[in-house]
Amino acid sequence: LFGLGVGVQGCGGGGDENAFLRYRVRVTFVYPDGTKREVAGQVEDTILEVVKRHNIDLECACEGSLACSTCHVILSEEMFHKLPEATDEENDMLDLAFGLTPTSRLGCQIVLTKDLDGIVLQIPAAQRNIDLRDDQKTKGKGDVDS
């Protein structure tokens, strides 16, 4: 199931012009209730793409434009240190995330590599959706009325 991809990326229009085989990467999502779901991503996918492809219950409200923190996930220290350092823009959005930890990242900024095979991502118990596009602020999962 995992290892060298059996499908060709980019078939069916759009996508990768070179249509090459890509490695599959195991990704496990752990929901707040402890339920685990293991799915397959491909090298060069973002966690956002994996979430959408497999219908994982993680909001991803801004579609990866770094305008919210709804794709906030928590990684193990080992996997966290395998990632490139977060950009200032990602850190600014993480500051708005519910349940921030030292190993928190935005899923839209995590790009899968072979080194991340077996990555486990904890989904926080709540999400704070403060969408900074056009200075709109909206209430999301986990927000409370004041």
Protein backbone atom coordinates (compact mmCIF):
# COMPACT_ATOMS: atom_id res chain seq x y z
CA LEU A 1 0.00 0.00 0.00
CA PHE A 2 2.73 2.48 0.90
CA GLY A 3 6.14 3.07 -0.65
CA LEU A 4 6.52 3.72 -4.34
CA GLY A 5 3.29 5.13 -5.71
CA VAL A 6 1.37 2.96 -8.09
CA GLY A 7 -0.55 5.76 -9.74
CA VAL A 8 0.74 8.46 -11.99
CA GLN A 9 0.27 11.96 -10.64
CA GLY A 10 -1.14 14.44 -13.07
CA CYS A 11 -3.29 12.19 -15.26
CA GLY A 12 -6.64 13.58 -16.25
CA GLY A 13 -5.63 17.13 -17.09
CA GLY A 14 -3.81 19.76 -15.11
CA GLY A 15 -1.36 18.88 -12.37
CA ASP A 16 2.14 17.62 -12.99
CA GLU A 17 3.21 18.03 -16.61
CA ASN A 18 5.90 15.33 -16.29
CA ALA A 19 3.51 12.69 -14.87
CA PHE A 20 5.97 10.81 -12.65
CA LEU A 21 5.55 8.21 -9.92
CA ARG A 22 5.51 9.66 -6.42
CA TYR A 23 6.06 8.04 -3.06
CA ARG A 24 3.12 7.53 -0.78
CA VAL A 25 3.44 8.81 2.77
CA ARG A 26 1.42 7.44 5.71
CA VAL A 27 -0.38 10.18 7.62
CA THR A 28 -2.36 9.49 10.80
CA PHE A 29 -4.86 12.01 12.13
CA VAL A 30 -5.82 11.73 15.81
CA TYR A 31 -9.19 13.32 16.58
CA PRO A 32 -9.84 14.99 19.95
CA ASP A 33 -11.77 11.90 21.15
CA GLY A 34 -8.70 9.71 20.49
CA THR A 35 -10.03 8.14 17.28
CA LYS A 36 -7.23 7.60 14.75
CA ARG A 37 -7.49 7.61 10.97
CA GLU A 38 -4.55 6.60 8.79
CA VAL A 39 -4.56 7.74 5.18
CA ALA A 40 -2.04 7.99 2.35
CA GLY A 41 -0.63 11.23 1.05
CA GLN A 42 2.01 11.67 -1.62
CA VAL A 43 5.39 13.34 -1.52
CA GLU A 44 4.90 17.07 -2.26
CA ASP A 45 1.26 17.08 -1.02
CA THR A 46 0.43 19.52 1.73
CA ILE A 47 -1.57 18.31 4.71
CA LEU A 48 -4.37 20.56 3.38
CA GLU A 49 -4.47 18.49 0.18
CA VAL A 50 -4.50 15.23 2.17
CA VAL A 51 -7.33 16.55 4.38
CA LYS A 52 -9.46 17.44 1.36
CA ARG A 53 -8.73 14.22 -0.55
CA HIS A 54 -9.68 12.01 2.41
CA ASN A 55 -12.49 14.13 3.93
CA ILE A 56 -10.70 14.60 7.26
CA ASP A 57 -12.68 16.71 9.73
CA LEU A 58 -10.36 19.74 9.78
CA GLU A 59 -11.78 23.04 8.57
CA CYS A 60 -8.99 24.66 6.47
CA ALA A 61 -11.16 27.78 6.00
CA CYS A 62 -8.73 29.96 4.02
CA GLU A 63 -7.68 27.23 1.57
CA GLY A 64 -3.99 27.61 2.42
CA SER A 65 -3.66 31.36 1.95
CA LEU A 66 -2.28 31.87 5.50
CA ALA A 67 -5.29 33.97 6.52
CA CYS A 68 -6.57 31.74 9.36
CA SER A 69 -5.47 29.03 11.79
CA THR A 70 -8.23 26.45 11.29
CA CYS A 71 -5.82 23.81 9.92
CA HIS A 72 -3.77 23.93 13.13
CA VAL A 73 -2.33 20.52 14.02
CA ILE A 74 0.03 19.28 16.72
CA LEU A 75 3.01 17.08 15.88
CA SER A 76 5.39 14.91 17.89
CA GLU A 77 8.70 16.61 18.67
CA GLU A 78 10.51 14.18 16.36
CA MET A 79 8.33 15.03 13.35
CA PHE A 80 8.22 18.74 14.23
CA HIS A 81 12.01 18.92 13.95
CA LYS A 82 11.96 17.26 10.50
CA LEU A 83 10.03 20.24 9.10
CA PRO A 84 11.53 23.46 7.80
CA GLU A 85 11.17 26.37 10.21
CA ALA A 86 7.80 28.13 10.12
CA THR A 87 7.69 31.45 8.30
CA ASP A 88 6.81 34.67 10.12
CA GLU A 89 3.41 34.62 8.38
CA GLU A 90 2.68 31.10 9.65
CA ASN A 91 3.79 32.04 13.17
CA ASP A 92 1.48 35.08 13.09
CA MET A 93 -1.48 32.81 12.28
CA LEU A 94 -0.42 30.19 14.84
CA ASP A 95 -0.58 32.93 17.50
CA LEU A 96 -4.36 32.94 16.88
CA ALA A 97 -4.75 29.16 17.13
CA PHE A 98 -6.71 27.46 19.91
CA GLY A 99 -4.57 25.16 22.09
CA LEU A 100 -1.21 26.27 20.71
CA THR A 101 1.74 24.04 21.70
CA PRO A 102 5.49 24.21 21.03
CA THR A 103 5.01 21.64 18.23
CA SER A 104 1.99 23.28 16.58
CA ARG A 105 1.99 23.95 12.84
CA LEU A 106 -0.54 24.87 10.18
CA GLY A 107 -1.39 21.86 8.03
CA CYS A 108 -1.45 23.96 4.88
CA GLN A 109 2.25 24.70 5.39
CA ILE A 110 3.39 21.10 5.97
CA VAL A 111 4.66 19.59 2.70
CA LEU A 112 5.03 15.82 2.79
CA THR A 113 8.44 14.26 2.19
CA LYS A 114 9.65 10.65 2.44
CA ASP A 115 11.13 11.58 5.85
CA LEU A 116 7.62 12.32 7.14
CA ASP A 117 6.30 8.80 6.42
CA GLY A 118 4.29 7.75 9.47
CA ILE A 119 3.60 11.31 10.64
CA VAL A 120 0.92 11.57 13.34
CA LEU A 121 -1.10 14.79 13.54
CA GLN A 122 -3.21 15.58 16.59
CA ILE A 123 -6.29 17.65 15.75
CA PRO A 124 -7.00 20.15 18.57
CA ALA A 125 -10.29 19.97 20.47
CA ALA A 126 -11.44 23.30 19.02
CA GLN A 127 -10.60 25.71 16.22
CA ARG A 128 -10.60 29.47 16.24
CA ASN A 129 -11.62 30.87 12.86
CA ILE A 130 -10.46 34.45 12.67
CA ASP A 131 -10.24 35.03 8.94
CA LEU A 132 -7.96 37.97 8.24
CA ARG A 133 -8.93 38.32 4.59
CA ASP A 134 -10.61 41.69 4.04
CA ASP A 135 -10.50 42.29 7.81
CA GLN A 136 -13.53 39.99 8.25
CA LYS A 137 -13.77 38.26 11.61
CA THR A 138 -15.98 35.22 11.86
CA LYS A 139 -16.81 32.83 14.66
CA GLY A 140 -15.68 29.24 14.30
CA LYS A 141 -15.59 25.98 16.18
CA GLY A 142 -14.53 26.51 19.77
CA ASP A 143 -15.18 30.24 19.91
CA VAL A 144 -17.40 31.55 22.66
CA ASP A 145 -19.68 34.58 22.68
CA SER A 146 -18.51 37.46 24.84
